[in-house]
C-alpha atoms as a PDB file:
ATOM      1  CA  MET A   1      19.580  18.137  32.663  1.00  0.00           C
ATOM      2  CA  THR A   2      21.103  18.620  29.217  1.00  0.00           C
ATOM      3  CA  ASP A   3      20.196  16.231  26.424  1.00  0.00           C
ATOM      4  CA  ASN A   4      23.448  15.282  24.704  1.00  0.00           C
ATOM      5  CA  ARG A   5      21.987  12.802  22.273  1.00  0.00           C
ATOM      6  CA  GLY A   6      21.912  15.325  19.426  1.00  0.00           C
ATOM      7  CA  PRO A   7      19.642  15.148  16.384  1.00  0.00           C
ATOM      8  CA  ALA A   8      18.418  11.752  15.229  1.00  0.00           C
ATOM      9  CA  ARG A   9      20.382  10.307  12.330  1.00  0.00           C
ATOM     10  CA  ARG A  10      18.529  10.584   9.029  1.00  0.00           C
ATOM     11  CA  VAL A  11      17.950   7.216   7.415  1.00  0.00           C
ATOM     12  CA  PRO A  12      19.363   7.144   3.844  1.00  0.00           C
ATOM     13  CA  ARG A  13      16.710   7.029   1.144  1.00  0.00           C
ATOM     14  CA  GLU A  14      17.942   3.696  -0.241  1.00  0.00           C
ATOM     15  CA  GLU A  15      17.709   2.161   3.222  1.00  0.00           C
ATOM     16  CA  VAL A  16      14.164   3.485   3.601  1.00  0.00           C
ATOM     17  CA  ARG A  17      13.175   1.915   0.276  1.00  0.00           C
ATOM     18  CA  ARG A  18      14.884  -1.370   1.135  1.00  0.00           C
ATOM     19  CA  ARG A  19      13.075  -1.690   4.462  1.00  0.00           C
ATOM     20  CA  LEU A  20       9.713  -0.706   2.999  1.00  0.00           C
ATOM     21  CA  LEU A  21      10.089  -3.232   0.170  1.00  0.00           C
ATOM     22  CA  ALA A  22      11.063  -5.999   2.577  1.00  0.00           C
ATOM     23  CA  GLU A  23       7.987  -5.421   4.725  1.00  0.00           C
ATOM     24  CA  ALA A  24       5.758  -4.944   1.687  1.00  0.00           C
ATOM     25  CA  VAL A  25       6.720  -8.401   0.393  1.00  0.00           C
ATOM     26  CA  ARG A  26       5.755  -9.943   3.716  1.00  0.00           C
ATOM     27  CA  VAL A  27       2.479  -8.043   4.173  1.00  0.00           C
ATOM     28  CA  PHE A  28       1.297  -8.389   0.571  1.00  0.00           C
ATOM     29  CA  THR A  29       2.104 -12.109   0.590  1.00  0.00           C
ATOM     30  CA  GLU A  30       0.344 -12.732   3.895  1.00  0.00           C
ATOM     31  CA  ARG A  31      -2.757 -10.603   3.282  1.00  0.00           C
ATOM     32  CA  GLY A  32      -3.045 -10.050  -0.465  1.00  0.00           C
ATOM     33  CA  TYR A  33      -3.274  -6.676  -2.161  1.00  0.00           C
ATOM     34  CA  ASP A  34      -6.744  -5.646  -1.011  1.00  0.00           C
ATOM     35  CA  ASP A  35      -6.232  -6.385   2.698  1.00  0.00           C
ATOM     36  CA  ALA A  36      -2.690  -5.024   2.925  1.00  0.00           C
ATOM     37  CA  ARG A  37      -2.561  -1.548   4.476  1.00  0.00           C
ATOM     38  CA  ILE A  38       0.115   1.040   3.785  1.00  0.00           C
ATOM     39  CA  GLU A  39       0.067   2.045   7.449  1.00  0.00           C
ATOM     40  CA  ASP A  40       0.954  -1.490   8.548  1.00  0.00           C
ATOM     41  CA  ILE A  41       3.782  -1.811   6.015  1.00  0.00           C
ATOM     42  CA  ALA A  42       5.262   1.536   7.002  1.00  0.00           C
ATOM     43  CA  HIS A  43       4.958   0.858  10.741  1.00  0.00           C
ATOM     44  CA  ALA A  44       6.615  -2.565  10.452  1.00  0.00           C
ATOM     45  CA  ALA A  45       9.506  -0.940   8.566  1.00  0.00           C
ATOM     46  CA  GLY A  46       9.847   1.760  11.244  1.00  0.00           C
ATOM     47  CA  PHE A  47       8.350   4.693   9.341  1.00  0.00           C
ATOM     48  CA  THR A  48       5.106   6.598   8.863  1.00  0.00           C
ATOM     49  CA  LYS A  49       2.901   6.032   5.825  1.00  0.00           C
ATOM     50  CA  GLY A  50       4.269   9.291   4.415  1.00  0.00           C
ATOM     51  CA  ALA A  51       7.494   7.399   3.676  1.00  0.00           C
ATOM     52  CA  VAL A  52       5.567   5.093   1.342  1.00  0.00           C
ATOM     53  CA  TYR A  53       4.022   7.985  -0.569  1.00  0.00           C
ATOM     54  CA  SER A  54       7.304   9.905  -0.836  1.00  0.00           C
ATOM     55  CA  ASN A  55       9.228   6.863  -2.092  1.00  0.00           C
ATOM     56  CA  PHE A  56       6.652   4.972  -4.143  1.00  0.00           C
ATOM     57  CA  GLY A  57       3.685   7.261  -4.706  1.00  0.00           C
ATOM     58  CA  GLY A  58       1.084   4.892  -3.301  1.00  0.00           C
ATOM     59  CA  LYS A  59      -0.055   1.319  -2.835  1.00  0.00           C
ATOM     60  CA  GLN A  60      -0.147   0.315  -6.516  1.00  0.00           C
ATOM     61  CA  GLU A  61       3.335   1.650  -7.183  1.00  0.00           C
ATOM     62  CA  LEU A  62       4.681  -0.095  -4.061  1.00  0.00           C
ATOM     63  CA  PHE A  63       3.121  -3.355  -5.206  1.00  0.00           C
ATOM     64  CA  GLY A  64       4.706  -2.948  -8.622  1.00  0.00           C
ATOM     65  CA  ALA A  65       8.074  -2.152  -7.019  1.00  0.00           C
ATOM     66  CA  VAL A  66       7.907  -5.399  -5.036  1.00  0.00           C
ATOM     67  CA  LEU A  67       7.459  -7.384  -8.248  1.00  0.00           C
ATOM     68  CA  SER A  68      10.133  -5.390 -10.060  1.00  0.00           C
ATOM     69  CA  GLN A  69      12.619  -6.044  -7.281  1.00  0.00           C
ATOM     70  CA  GLY A  70      11.994  -9.775  -7.508  1.00  0.00           C
ATOM     71  CA  ALA A  71      12.548  -9.694 -11.262  1.00  0.00           C
ATOM     72  CA  GLU A  72      15.707  -7.606 -10.838  1.00  0.00           C
ATOM     73  CA  ASP A  73      17.126 -10.085  -8.319  1.00  0.00           C
ATOM     74  CA  GLU A  74      16.528 -12.921 -10.779  1.00  0.00           C
ATOM     75  CA  ARG A  75      18.103 -10.943 -13.628  1.00  0.00           C
ATOM     76  CA  ALA A  76      21.221 -10.260 -11.573  1.00  0.00           C
ATOM     77  CA  THR A  77      21.572 -13.927 -10.660  1.00  0.00           C
ATOM     78  CA  VAL A  78      21.188 -15.102 -14.257  1.00  0.00           C
ATOM     79  CA  THR A  79      23.568 -12.413 -15.519  1.00  0.00           C
ATOM     80  CA  ALA A  80      26.195 -13.574 -13.046  1.00  0.00           C
ATOM     81  CA  GLU A  81      25.911 -17.109 -14.446  1.00  0.00           C
ATOM     82  CA  ILE A  82      26.270 -15.826 -17.998  1.00  0.00           C
ATOM     83  CA  ASP A  83      29.318 -13.803 -16.997  1.00  0.00           C
ATOM     84  CA  GLY A  84      30.848 -17.000 -15.640  1.00  0.00           C
ATOM     85  CA  GLY A  85      31.095 -18.284 -19.213  1.00  0.00           C
ATOM     86  CA  GLY A  86      31.481 -21.920 -20.156  1.00  0.00           C
ATOM     87  CA  GLU A  87      30.145 -24.258 -22.815  1.00  0.00           C
ATOM     88  CA  THR A  88      26.629 -23.437 -23.985  1.00  0.00           C
ATOM     89  CA  GLY A  89      25.050 -26.715 -22.898  1.00  0.00           C
ATOM     90  CA  ALA A  90      26.423 -26.401 -19.368  1.00  0.00           C
ATOM     91  CA  LEU A  91      25.366 -22.752 -19.225  1.00  0.00           C
ATOM     92  CA  ILE A  92      21.819 -23.698 -20.223  1.00  0.00           C
ATOM     93  CA  GLU A  93      21.703 -26.279 -17.427  1.00  0.00           C
ATOM     94  CA  ARG A  94      22.902 -23.767 -14.831  1.00  0.00           C
ATOM     95  CA  VAL A  95      20.458 -21.061 -15.881  1.00  0.00           C
ATOM     96  CA  ALA A  96      17.553 -23.546 -15.959  1.00  0.00           C
ATOM     97  CA  ALA A  97      18.458 -24.713 -12.451  1.00  0.00           C
ATOM     98  CA  LEU A  98      18.644 -21.139 -11.143  1.00  0.00           C
ATOM     99  CA  ILE A  99      15.261 -20.094 -12.518  1.00  0.00           C
ATOM    100  CA  THR A 100      13.687 -23.328 -11.330  1.00  0.00           C
ATOM    101  CA  ALA A 101      15.012 -22.807  -7.799  1.00  0.00           C
ATOM    102  CA  ARG A 102      13.533 -19.318  -7.700  1.00  0.00           C
ATOM    103  CA  ILE A 103      10.114 -20.532  -8.877  1.00  0.00           C
ATOM    104  CA  VAL A 104       9.822 -23.325  -6.305  1.00  0.00           C
ATOM    105  CA  THR A 105      11.362 -21.516  -3.324  1.00  0.00           C
ATOM    106  CA  ASP A 106       9.935 -17.999  -3.792  1.00  0.00           C
ATOM    107  CA  THR A 107       6.255 -18.766  -4.292  1.00  0.00           C
ATOM    108  CA  GLY A 108       5.314 -15.496  -2.590  1.00  0.00           C
ATOM    109  CA  HIS A 109       6.434 -13.437  -5.577  1.00  0.00           C
ATOM    110  CA  GLY A 110       4.605 -15.836  -7.871  1.00  0.00           C
ATOM    111  CA  GLN A 111       1.377 -15.339  -5.964  1.00  0.00           C
ATOM    112  CA  LEU A 112       1.796 -11.573  -6.010  1.00  0.00           C
ATOM    113  CA  GLY A 113       2.470 -11.624  -9.750  1.00  0.00           C
ATOM    114  CA  LEU A 114      -0.732 -13.553 -10.387  1.00  0.00           C
ATOM    115  CA  GLU A 115      -2.743 -11.150  -8.278  1.00  0.00           C
ATOM    116  CA  PHE A 116      -1.304  -8.077  -9.978  1.00  0.00           C
ATOM    117  CA  ALA A 117      -1.896  -9.527 -13.460  1.00  0.00           C
ATOM    118  CA  ALA A 118      -5.509 -10.307 -12.557  1.00  0.00           C
ATOM    119  CA  ARG A 119      -6.024  -6.758 -11.311  1.00  0.00           C
ATOM    120  CA  ALA A 120      -4.392  -5.315 -14.430  1.00  0.00           C
ATOM    121  CA  ALA A 121      -6.894  -7.141 -16.643  1.00  0.00           C
ATOM    122  CA  ARG A 122      -9.713  -5.204 -14.948  1.00  0.00           C
ATOM    123  CA  ASP A 123      -8.078  -1.929 -13.933  1.00  0.00           C
ATOM    124  CA  GLU A 124      -6.359   0.519 -16.274  1.00  0.00           C
ATOM    125  CA  LYS A 125      -4.271   2.164 -13.533  1.00  0.00           C
ATOM    126  CA  THR A 126      -2.870  -1.192 -12.452  1.00  0.00           C
ATOM    127  CA  ARG A 127      -2.168  -2.063 -16.090  1.00  0.00           C
ATOM    128  CA  ALA A 128      -0.235   1.194 -16.466  1.00  0.00           C
ATOM    129  CA  VAL A 129       2.082   0.025 -13.671  1.00  0.00           C
ATOM    130  CA  LEU A 130       2.353  -3.591 -14.852  1.00  0.00           C
ATOM    131  CA  ALA A 131       2.830  -3.101 -18.601  1.00  0.00           C
ATOM    132  CA  PRO A 132       6.192  -1.246 -18.523  1.00  0.00           C
ATOM    133  CA  MET A 133       7.490  -3.676 -15.922  1.00  0.00           C
ATOM    134  CA  ARG A 134       6.629  -6.660 -18.123  1.00  0.00           C
ATOM    135  CA  ARG A 135       8.235  -4.964 -21.136  1.00  0.00           C
ATOM    136  CA  ALA A 136      11.415  -4.452 -19.142  1.00  0.00           C
ATOM    137  CA  GLN A 137      11.431  -8.117 -18.128  1.00  0.00           C
ATOM    138  CA  ARG A 138      11.028  -9.229 -21.742  1.00  0.00           C
ATOM    139  CA  ASP A 139      13.801  -6.859 -22.833  1.00  0.00           C
ATOM    140  CA  THR A 140      16.097  -8.261 -20.148  1.00  0.00           C
ATOM    141  CA  ALA A 141      15.436 -11.819 -21.327  1.00  0.00           C
ATOM    142  CA  ALA A 142      16.110 -10.767 -24.923  1.00  0.00           C
ATOM    143  CA  ARG A 143      19.423  -9.163 -23.969  1.00  0.00           C
ATOM    144  CA  ALA A 144      20.430 -12.295 -22.076  1.00  0.00           C
ATOM    145  CA  VAL A 145      19.735 -14.449 -25.144  1.00  0.00           C
ATOM    146  CA  ALA A 146      21.731 -12.100 -27.362  1.00  0.00           C
ATOM    147  CA  GLU A 147      24.636 -12.058 -24.911  1.00  0.00           C
ATOM    148  CA  VAL A 148      24.786 -15.837 -24.644  1.00  0.00           C
ATOM    149  CA  SER A 149      24.666 -16.120 -28.431  1.00  0.00           C
ATOM    150  CA  ASP A 150      27.507 -13.617 -28.831  1.00  0.00           C
ATOM    151  CA  ARG A 151      29.712 -15.255 -26.222  1.00  0.00           C
ATOM    152  CA  THR A 152      29.226 -18.804 -27.437  1.00  0.00           C
ATOM    153  CA  GLY A 153      29.113 -18.113 -31.157  1.00  0.00           C
ATOM    154  CA  THR A 154      25.712 -19.766 -31.613  1.00  0.00           C
ATOM    155  CA  GLY A 155      22.984 -17.963 -33.503  1.00  0.00           C
ATOM    156  CA  PRO A 156      19.565 -18.026 -31.791  1.00  0.00           C
ATOM    157  CA  ALA A 157      16.820 -19.918 -33.585  1.00  0.00           C
ATOM    158  CA  VAL A 158      14.617 -16.791 -33.537  1.00  0.00           C
ATOM    159  CA  PRO A 159      15.329 -13.061 -33.072  1.00  0.00           C
ATOM    160  CA  PRO A 160      16.329 -12.203 -29.464  1.00  0.00           C
ATOM    161  CA  GLU A 161      13.165 -10.136 -28.945  1.00  0.00           C
ATOM    162  CA  LEU A 162      10.983 -13.123 -29.773  1.00  0.00           C
ATOM    163  CA  ALA A 163      13.159 -15.418 -27.665  1.00  0.00           C
ATOM    164  CA  GLY A 164      12.731 -12.997 -24.750  1.00  0.00           C
ATOM    165  CA  LEU A 165       8.952 -13.107 -25.138  1.00  0.00           C
ATOM    166  CA  ILE A 166       8.977 -16.916 -25.261  1.00  0.00           C
ATOM    167  CA  LEU A 167      11.099 -17.219 -22.115  1.00  0.00           C
ATOM    168  CA  HIS A 168       9.054 -14.589 -20.305  1.00  0.00           C
ATOM    169  CA  CYS A 169       5.792 -16.395 -21.073  1.00  0.00           C
ATOM    170  CA  LEU A 170       7.327 -19.767 -20.200  1.00  0.00           C
ATOM    171  CA  THR A 171       8.435 -18.456 -16.810  1.00  0.00           C
ATOM    172  CA  ASN A 172       5.029 -16.975 -15.995  1.00  0.00           C
ATOM    173  CA  GLY A 173       3.240 -20.102 -17.176  1.00  0.00           C
ATOM    174  CA  LEU A 174       5.405 -22.422 -15.081  1.00  0.00           C
ATOM    175  CA  VAL A 175       4.975 -20.175 -12.040  1.00  0.00           C
ATOM    176  CA  ASN A 176       1.188 -20.430 -12.445  1.00  0.00           C
ATOM    177  CA  GLU A 177       1.202 -24.187 -12.993  1.00  0.00           C
ATOM    178  CA  HIS A 178       3.508 -24.866 -10.064  1.00  0.00           C
ATOM    179  CA  LEU A 179       1.308 -22.811  -7.749  1.00  0.00           C
ATOM    180  CA  ALA A 180      -1.817 -24.596  -8.975  1.00  0.00           C
ATOM    181  CA  ASP A 181      -0.416 -28.145  -9.048  1.00  0.00           C
ATOM    182  CA  PRO A 182       2.960 -28.464  -7.311  1.00  0.00           C
ATOM    183  CA  GLU A 183       2.704 -32.251  -7.088  1.00  0.00           C
ATOM    184  CA  ALA A 184       2.692 -32.585 -10.882  1.00  0.00           C
ATOM    185  CA  VAL A 185       4.659 -29.510 -11.924  1.00  0.00           C
ATOM    186  CA  THR A 186       7.698 -30.291  -9.796  1.00  0.00           C
ATOM    187  CA  ALA A 187      11.153 -28.747  -9.785  1.00  0.00           C
ATOM    188  CA  ASP A 188      12.406 -31.536 -12.069  1.00  0.00           C
ATOM    189  CA  VAL A 189       9.634 -30.906 -14.583  1.00  0.00           C
ATOM    190  CA  ILE A 190      10.219 -27.148 -14.529  1.00  0.00           C
ATOM    191  CA  GLU A 191      13.957 -27.556 -15.039  1.00  0.00           C
ATOM    192  CA  GLN A 192      13.400 -29.969 -17.931  1.00  0.00           C
ATOM    193  CA  ALA A 193      11.009 -27.500 -19.581  1.00  0.00           C
ATOM    194  CA  PHE A 194      13.486 -24.637 -19.298  1.00  0.00           C
ATOM    195  CA  SER A 195      16.369 -26.746 -20.560  1.00  0.00           C
ATOM    196  CA  ALA A 196      14.369 -27.942 -23.558  1.00  0.00           C
ATOM    197  CA  VAL A 197      13.241 -24.457 -24.575  1.00  0.00           C
ATOM    198  CA  LEU A 198      16.632 -22.833 -23.976  1.00  0.00           C
ATOM    199  CA  THR A 199      18.318 -25.560 -26.008  1.00  0.00           C
ATOM    200  CA  ALA A 200      15.861 -25.063 -28.867  1.00  0.00           C
ATOM    201  CA  LEU A 201      16.416 -21.305 -28.787  1.00  0.00           C
ATOM    202  CA  LEU A 202      20.174 -21.222 -28.312  1.00  0.00           C
ATOM    203  CA  LEU A 203      21.452 -24.361 -29.996  1.00  0.00           C
ATOM    204  CA  PRO A 204      19.699 -24.512 -33.398  1.00  0.00           C
ATOM    205  CA  THR A 205      22.856 -25.934 -34.992  1.00  0.00           C
ATOM    206  CA  SER A 206      22.488 -29.097 -32.897  1.00  0.00           C
ATOM    207  CA  ARG A 207      19.671 -30.204 -35.201  1.00  0.00           C
ATOM    208  CA  THR A 208      21.774 -30.020 -38.376  1.00  0.00           C
END
């Protein structure tokens, strides 16, 4: 009997990466870095572990890619709000609400970020993966501050690079505090903190 099925369709590289990242988020969140196995992630995504090595280089790089993807998703969401324009005060409220929602609903990425930062403090190879990712996140925050300032005609209270560092550290700190004490560091508290800091950074003229 002739087999007419033909050769199996090759999965596009971007689809392979997407499926591996999706499963990596789940496995890393459920098991933590140490207990997560590349074989299990690859199998759940429908591939062999060779797909992980060919797309990400290894476990550390895959872990870093998971965190980078989460940061990129947040950046895209915030950028879309900025592109929507509007009065600066209203824009600040919308951005604060968006970041707050991500912190309280996506605790898995927060947990992974804490674990990776802790590993980076002790391991140079992990730090080599984490450091450029954190720089990119700070640069993105700085560009967002500069863009809002340009569009609204308000000068930031500090240089955009410093504002980016402040917002980056504020986000990480609130993620940590919410994970440690969600009953006290609630969504309302987080949103108030973001609004206060963004207002101080972007609306210095309001104090004159």
